[in-house]
N, C-alpha and C. Protein backbone atom coordinates (compact mmCIF):
# COMPACT_ATOMS: atom_id res chain seq x y z
N MET A 1 22.78 29.23 -26.80
CA MET A 1 22.67 30.50 -26.35
C MET A 1 22.99 31.46 -27.58
N LYS A 2 24.06 31.34 -28.15
CA LYS A 2 24.32 32.19 -29.25
C LYS A 2 23.31 32.10 -30.41
N LYS A 3 23.12 30.83 -30.77
CA LYS A 3 21.83 30.58 -31.82
C LYS A 3 20.78 31.26 -31.43
N SER A 4 20.21 31.20 -30.23
CA SER A 4 18.86 31.76 -29.73
C SER A 4 18.82 33.25 -29.87
N LEU A 5 19.97 33.73 -29.60
CA LEU A 5 20.08 35.25 -29.70
C LEU A 5 20.17 35.66 -31.15
N ILE A 6 20.79 35.15 -31.86
CA ILE A 6 20.71 35.28 -33.44
C ILE A 6 19.30 35.38 -33.93
N ILE A 7 18.60 34.23 -33.57
CA ILE A 7 17.18 33.81 -33.84
C ILE A 7 16.23 35.16 -33.56
N LEU A 8 16.50 35.48 -32.17
CA LEU A 8 15.81 36.46 -31.48
C LEU A 8 15.89 37.95 -32.20
N MET A 9 17.29 38.21 -32.58
CA MET A 9 17.57 39.43 -33.22
C MET A 9 16.93 39.52 -34.64
N LEU A 10 17.04 38.50 -35.34
CA LEU A 10 16.48 38.39 -36.65
C LEU A 10 14.95 38.46 -36.61
N ALA A 11 14.26 37.91 -35.62
CA ALA A 11 12.90 38.28 -35.48
C ALA A 11 12.47 39.61 -34.99
N LEU A 12 13.45 40.28 -34.29
CA LEU A 12 13.03 41.66 -33.97
C LEU A 12 13.23 42.55 -35.19
N VAL A 13 14.24 42.29 -35.90
CA VAL A 13 14.35 43.09 -37.17
C VAL A 13 13.40 42.83 -38.24
N ALA A 14 12.87 41.65 -38.26
CA ALA A 14 11.65 41.27 -39.16
C ALA A 14 10.30 42.37 -38.82
N ILE A 15 10.23 42.10 -37.34
CA ILE A 15 9.06 42.81 -36.81
C ILE A 15 9.01 44.34 -37.12
N MET A 16 10.26 44.92 -37.02
CA MET A 16 10.31 46.46 -36.97
C MET A 16 10.00 46.66 -38.56
N PHE A 17 10.65 45.81 -39.76
CA PHE A 17 10.56 45.88 -41.02
C PHE A 17 9.18 45.96 -41.37
N VAL A 18 8.42 44.95 -40.95
CA VAL A 18 6.91 44.70 -41.36
C VAL A 18 6.19 45.83 -40.58
N SER A 19 6.44 46.40 -39.50
CA SER A 19 5.76 47.51 -38.83
C SER A 19 5.90 48.91 -39.56
N CYS A 20 7.09 49.08 -40.24
CA CYS A 20 7.30 50.24 -41.00
C CYS A 20 6.51 50.57 -42.13
N ALA A 21 6.23 49.28 -42.77
CA ALA A 21 5.54 49.37 -44.16
C ALA A 21 3.98 49.31 -43.73
N LYS A 22 3.10 50.23 -44.55
CA LYS A 22 1.84 50.38 -44.38
C LYS A 22 1.07 49.80 -45.50
N THR A 23 0.00 48.99 -45.12
CA THR A 23 -0.86 48.40 -46.25
C THR A 23 -1.97 49.51 -46.49
N ILE A 24 -2.13 49.68 -47.87
CA ILE A 24 -3.22 50.88 -48.19
C ILE A 24 -4.57 50.13 -48.13
N THR A 25 -5.55 50.78 -47.66
CA THR A 25 -6.75 50.67 -47.62
C THR A 25 -7.83 51.81 -48.25
N VAL A 26 -8.12 51.74 -49.42
CA VAL A 26 -8.94 52.79 -50.18
C VAL A 26 -10.49 52.74 -49.83
N PRO A 27 -10.94 54.05 -49.28
CA PRO A 27 -12.30 54.08 -49.18
C PRO A 27 -13.20 53.68 -50.28
N GLU A 28 -14.36 53.29 -49.88
CA GLU A 28 -15.40 53.13 -50.78
C GLU A 28 -16.20 54.29 -51.38
N THR A 29 -15.57 55.30 -51.84
CA THR A 29 -16.05 56.37 -52.53
C THR A 29 -15.50 56.56 -53.90
N ASN A 30 -16.24 57.41 -54.57
CA ASN A 30 -15.59 57.84 -56.11
C ASN A 30 -14.45 58.70 -55.79
N ALA A 31 -13.48 58.35 -56.64
CA ALA A 31 -12.14 59.12 -56.78
C ALA A 31 -12.55 60.47 -57.51
N VAL A 32 -11.61 61.54 -57.11
CA VAL A 32 -11.46 62.68 -57.94
C VAL A 32 -10.34 62.61 -58.55
N LEU A 33 -10.22 62.68 -59.91
CA LEU A 33 -9.11 62.90 -60.60
C LEU A 33 -8.69 64.44 -60.88
N THR A 34 -7.40 64.90 -60.60
CA THR A 34 -6.92 66.12 -60.73
C THR A 34 -5.80 65.83 -61.77
N PHE A 35 -5.68 66.67 -62.78
CA PHE A 35 -4.75 66.85 -63.77
C PHE A 35 -4.63 68.39 -64.30
N LYS A 36 -3.49 69.03 -63.52
CA LYS A 36 -3.40 70.40 -63.82
C LYS A 36 -1.83 70.52 -64.40
N TYR A 37 -1.66 70.66 -65.63
CA TYR A 37 -0.27 70.71 -66.21
C TYR A 37 -0.53 71.49 -67.56
N GLY A 38 0.31 72.47 -67.79
CA GLY A 38 0.41 73.21 -69.05
C GLY A 38 -0.97 73.92 -69.02
N ASP A 39 -1.65 73.80 -70.17
CA ASP A 39 -3.03 74.39 -70.47
C ASP A 39 -4.20 73.50 -70.00
N CYS A 40 -3.96 72.33 -69.56
CA CYS A 40 -4.92 71.41 -69.01
C CYS A 40 -5.22 71.74 -67.59
N ASP A 41 -6.46 72.00 -67.28
CA ASP A 41 -6.79 72.06 -65.75
C ASP A 41 -8.15 71.30 -65.65
N VAL A 42 -7.83 69.91 -65.24
CA VAL A 42 -9.08 68.94 -65.05
C VAL A 42 -9.20 68.64 -63.55
N VAL A 43 -10.38 68.87 -62.84
CA VAL A 43 -10.69 68.20 -61.61
C VAL A 43 -12.08 67.67 -61.96
N ILE A 44 -12.13 66.17 -61.93
CA ILE A 44 -13.32 65.56 -62.03
C ILE A 44 -13.54 64.40 -61.30
N GLU A 45 -14.90 64.29 -60.91
CA GLU A 45 -15.31 62.99 -60.08
C GLU A 45 -15.41 61.79 -61.04
N LEU A 46 -14.66 60.68 -60.94
CA LEU A 46 -14.80 59.68 -61.71
C LEU A 46 -16.08 58.75 -61.20
N SER A 47 -16.40 58.20 -62.43
CA SER A 47 -17.58 57.21 -62.19
C SER A 47 -17.39 56.15 -61.23
N ALA A 48 -18.31 55.34 -60.76
CA ALA A 48 -18.16 54.32 -59.71
C ALA A 48 -17.32 53.20 -60.42
N GLU A 49 -17.40 53.08 -61.53
CA GLU A 49 -16.56 51.94 -62.32
C GLU A 49 -14.99 52.18 -62.40
N GLU A 50 -14.89 53.57 -62.84
CA GLU A 50 -13.33 53.98 -62.88
C GLU A 50 -12.88 53.87 -61.49
N SER A 51 -13.62 54.45 -60.59
CA SER A 51 -13.28 54.58 -59.17
C SER A 51 -12.78 53.21 -58.64
N GLU A 52 -13.67 52.17 -58.97
CA GLU A 52 -13.37 50.72 -58.54
C GLU A 52 -12.25 50.26 -59.19
N THR A 53 -11.94 50.59 -60.54
CA THR A 53 -10.76 50.12 -61.03
C THR A 53 -9.38 50.73 -60.45
N VAL A 54 -9.42 52.10 -59.99
CA VAL A 54 -8.33 52.64 -59.53
C VAL A 54 -8.19 51.91 -58.11
N ARG A 55 -9.33 52.02 -57.28
CA ARG A 55 -9.27 51.28 -55.95
C ARG A 55 -8.74 49.91 -55.98
N SER A 56 -9.06 49.19 -56.91
CA SER A 56 -8.41 47.67 -56.99
C SER A 56 -6.93 47.64 -57.23
N ILE A 57 -6.70 48.67 -58.07
CA ILE A 57 -5.22 48.80 -58.31
C ILE A 57 -4.40 49.33 -57.11
N PHE A 58 -4.86 50.19 -56.23
CA PHE A 58 -4.06 50.85 -55.15
C PHE A 58 -4.30 49.90 -53.92
N ASN A 59 -5.50 49.20 -53.67
CA ASN A 59 -5.79 48.56 -52.44
C ASN A 59 -4.79 47.40 -52.09
N ASN A 60 -4.44 47.36 -50.69
CA ASN A 60 -3.71 46.42 -50.26
C ASN A 60 -2.16 46.35 -50.71
N LYS A 61 -1.70 47.51 -51.34
CA LYS A 61 -0.29 47.63 -51.69
C LYS A 61 0.20 48.05 -50.34
N ARG A 62 1.61 47.72 -50.33
CA ARG A 62 2.56 48.01 -49.25
C ARG A 62 3.39 49.27 -49.49
N THR A 63 3.26 50.20 -48.71
CA THR A 63 4.19 51.39 -48.90
C THR A 63 5.73 51.10 -48.28
N TYR A 64 6.65 51.96 -48.97
CA TYR A 64 7.89 51.95 -48.53
C TYR A 64 8.45 53.24 -48.57
N GLN A 65 9.63 53.46 -48.03
CA GLN A 65 10.33 54.90 -48.13
C GLN A 65 11.41 54.71 -49.14
N ASP A 66 11.47 55.92 -49.98
CA ASP A 66 12.56 56.05 -51.00
C ASP A 66 12.80 57.50 -51.40
N ASN A 67 13.75 57.50 -52.12
CA ASN A 67 14.15 58.84 -52.71
C ASN A 67 14.06 58.80 -54.27
N THR A 68 12.85 58.92 -54.58
CA THR A 68 12.65 58.84 -56.17
C THR A 68 12.88 60.15 -57.03
N SER A 69 13.07 59.87 -58.26
CA SER A 69 13.38 60.97 -59.10
C SER A 69 12.21 61.17 -60.11
N CYS A 70 11.16 60.45 -59.74
CA CYS A 70 9.90 60.45 -60.81
C CYS A 70 9.19 61.68 -60.84
N GLY A 71 8.88 62.50 -59.80
CA GLY A 71 8.36 63.68 -59.81
C GLY A 71 6.85 63.61 -59.59
N PHE A 72 6.34 63.99 -58.40
CA PHE A 72 5.00 63.75 -57.98
C PHE A 72 4.41 65.20 -57.49
N THR A 73 3.15 65.44 -57.79
CA THR A 73 2.34 66.56 -57.48
C THR A 73 0.92 66.20 -57.15
N GLU A 74 0.41 66.88 -56.30
CA GLU A 74 -1.19 66.71 -56.24
C GLU A 74 -1.85 67.23 -57.49
N ASN A 75 -1.23 67.91 -58.34
CA ASN A 75 -1.87 68.28 -59.49
C ASN A 75 -2.02 67.34 -60.51
N VAL A 76 -1.26 66.03 -60.25
CA VAL A 76 -1.55 64.78 -60.93
C VAL A 76 -1.83 63.86 -59.98
N SER A 77 -3.03 63.61 -59.68
CA SER A 77 -3.41 62.58 -58.67
C SER A 77 -5.04 62.16 -58.60
N PHE A 78 -5.04 61.21 -57.83
CA PHE A 78 -6.46 60.76 -57.63
C PHE A 78 -6.60 60.91 -56.05
N ARG A 79 -8.08 61.20 -55.69
CA ARG A 79 -8.24 61.66 -54.18
C ARG A 79 -9.40 60.81 -53.91
N PHE A 80 -9.20 59.95 -52.75
CA PHE A 80 -10.42 59.26 -52.28
C PHE A 80 -10.63 60.07 -50.94
N ASN A 81 -11.65 60.81 -50.87
CA ASN A 81 -11.95 61.59 -49.63
C ASN A 81 -10.70 62.32 -49.35
N ASP A 82 -10.03 62.06 -48.19
CA ASP A 82 -8.80 63.07 -47.79
C ASP A 82 -7.55 62.33 -48.26
N LEU A 83 -7.66 61.20 -48.77
CA LEU A 83 -6.48 60.35 -49.32
C LEU A 83 -5.98 60.73 -50.61
N VAL A 84 -4.73 61.30 -50.88
CA VAL A 84 -4.26 61.69 -52.19
C VAL A 84 -3.20 60.68 -52.70
N PHE A 85 -3.28 60.31 -53.89
CA PHE A 85 -2.38 59.35 -54.57
C PHE A 85 -1.75 60.10 -55.82
N CYS A 86 -0.65 60.43 -55.54
CA CYS A 86 0.03 61.18 -56.63
C CYS A 86 0.80 60.33 -57.51
N ILE A 87 0.44 60.60 -58.81
CA ILE A 87 0.87 59.64 -59.96
C ILE A 87 2.32 60.20 -60.59
N ALA A 88 3.32 59.36 -60.75
CA ALA A 88 4.67 59.69 -61.19
C ALA A 88 4.27 60.41 -62.58
N CYS A 89 4.85 61.58 -62.64
CA CYS A 89 4.73 62.37 -63.94
C CYS A 89 5.54 61.81 -65.04
N ASP A 90 6.61 61.17 -64.64
CA ASP A 90 7.38 60.70 -65.94
C ASP A 90 7.05 59.24 -66.39
N ASN A 91 5.90 58.81 -66.09
CA ASN A 91 5.45 57.54 -66.54
C ASN A 91 5.99 56.39 -65.91
N CYS A 92 6.66 56.45 -64.70
CA CYS A 92 7.08 55.27 -64.03
C CYS A 92 6.11 54.61 -63.34
N SER A 93 6.02 53.47 -62.66
CA SER A 93 5.28 52.80 -62.09
C SER A 93 5.25 52.82 -60.54
N THR A 94 5.52 54.08 -60.25
CA THR A 94 5.41 54.37 -58.80
C THR A 94 4.41 55.30 -58.27
N ILE A 95 3.88 55.10 -57.22
CA ILE A 95 2.80 56.04 -56.66
C ILE A 95 3.30 56.63 -55.39
N GLU A 96 3.03 57.98 -55.22
CA GLU A 96 3.30 58.57 -54.04
C GLU A 96 2.16 58.56 -53.15
N PHE A 97 2.13 58.27 -51.78
CA PHE A 97 1.08 58.30 -50.82
C PHE A 97 1.56 58.75 -49.52
N GLN A 98 1.14 59.78 -48.93
CA GLN A 98 1.38 60.28 -47.66
C GLN A 98 2.84 60.19 -47.36
N GLY A 99 3.62 60.66 -48.22
CA GLY A 99 5.18 60.91 -48.07
C GLY A 99 5.88 59.47 -48.25
N ARG A 100 5.24 58.50 -48.63
CA ARG A 100 5.83 57.07 -48.72
C ARG A 100 5.39 56.73 -50.40
N TYR A 101 5.91 55.61 -50.72
CA TYR A 101 5.75 55.16 -52.22
C TYR A 101 5.29 53.74 -52.13
N PHE A 102 4.66 53.37 -53.17
CA PHE A 102 4.26 51.69 -53.68
C PHE A 102 4.34 51.61 -55.00
N SER A 103 4.54 50.50 -55.41
CA SER A 103 4.86 50.18 -56.92
C SER A 103 3.47 49.47 -57.56
N ILE A 104 3.16 49.69 -58.62
CA ILE A 104 2.11 49.06 -59.42
C ILE A 104 2.82 48.46 -60.81
N SER A 105 2.12 47.48 -61.17
CA SER A 105 2.73 46.92 -62.32
C SER A 105 2.60 47.69 -63.65
N ASP A 106 3.23 47.46 -64.79
CA ASP A 106 3.24 48.16 -65.95
C ASP A 106 1.89 48.21 -66.49
N ASP A 107 1.18 47.07 -66.35
CA ASP A 107 -0.13 47.06 -67.00
C ASP A 107 -1.23 48.01 -66.15
N GLU A 108 -0.97 47.81 -65.05
CA GLU A 108 -1.87 48.76 -64.07
C GLU A 108 -1.30 50.18 -64.32
N ARG A 109 -0.16 50.45 -64.59
CA ARG A 109 0.24 51.98 -64.87
C ARG A 109 -0.53 52.19 -66.24
N GLU A 110 -0.58 51.34 -67.27
CA GLU A 110 -1.20 51.60 -68.58
C GLU A 110 -2.81 51.93 -68.27
N THR A 111 -3.40 51.23 -67.41
CA THR A 111 -4.75 51.46 -66.97
C THR A 111 -4.99 52.87 -66.39
N ILE A 112 -4.12 53.23 -65.48
CA ILE A 112 -4.18 54.62 -64.63
C ILE A 112 -4.08 55.79 -65.98
N ASN A 113 -3.01 55.34 -67.00
CA ASN A 113 -2.85 56.48 -68.02
C ASN A 113 -4.09 56.53 -68.83
N LEU A 114 -4.79 55.39 -69.07
CA LEU A 114 -5.94 55.43 -70.11
C LEU A 114 -7.02 56.25 -69.33
N ILE A 115 -7.23 56.18 -67.99
CA ILE A 115 -8.10 56.85 -67.33
C ILE A 115 -7.90 58.38 -67.30
N PHE A 116 -6.56 58.74 -67.07
CA PHE A 116 -6.32 60.11 -67.22
C PHE A 116 -6.51 60.84 -68.86
N GLU A 117 -6.09 59.78 -69.84
CA GLU A 117 -6.20 60.31 -71.09
C GLU A 117 -7.57 60.34 -71.46
N LYS A 118 -8.56 59.66 -71.01
CA LYS A 118 -10.01 59.75 -71.19
C LYS A 118 -10.58 61.25 -70.71
N HIS A 119 -9.90 61.76 -69.61
CA HIS A 119 -10.39 62.98 -69.01
C HIS A 119 -9.46 64.19 -69.44
N GLY A 120 -8.58 64.01 -70.51
CA GLY A 120 -7.83 64.95 -70.97
C GLY A 120 -6.35 65.17 -70.43
N GLY A 121 -5.91 64.19 -69.59
CA GLY A 121 -4.53 64.12 -69.03
C GLY A 121 -3.70 63.31 -70.07
N PHE A 122 -2.41 63.41 -69.79
CA PHE A 122 -1.28 62.87 -70.63
C PHE A 122 -0.08 62.73 -69.78
N PHE A 123 0.74 61.66 -70.29
CA PHE A 123 2.03 61.47 -69.70
C PHE A 123 3.09 61.28 -70.81
N PRO A 124 4.36 61.66 -70.65
CA PRO A 124 4.85 62.21 -69.39
C PRO A 124 4.31 63.78 -69.38
N CYS A 125 4.50 64.22 -68.01
CA CYS A 125 4.02 65.58 -67.78
C CYS A 125 5.03 66.29 -66.81
N VAL A 126 6.30 66.29 -67.24
CA VAL A 126 7.32 66.85 -66.27
C VAL A 126 7.94 68.04 -66.77
């Protein structure tokens, strides 16, 4: 009986944990890159190829809650329709999405940086 109760409690905790995380699905639209920092004021629609690159980085990531110190703003972001992905201004590999966060690899972060640099953005921008 005691063993069954422990297993049941662990299963409930696991279900609660999984239900709190959200999996990201990025729409099949072109992204809008925003970079407004210092003298730089860029708002530009990305090409289909660049949008697909960003989409493939963000799609299917799982969000989590955190108290980061990275620094996020919509002034350094990608927007797919009404979904805004704020890029960490300090160059860390964390993305803010709807008040939650997800991590990307260092290589993915470098790809993001190169897309911003192509359009006049730069990091760090804190």
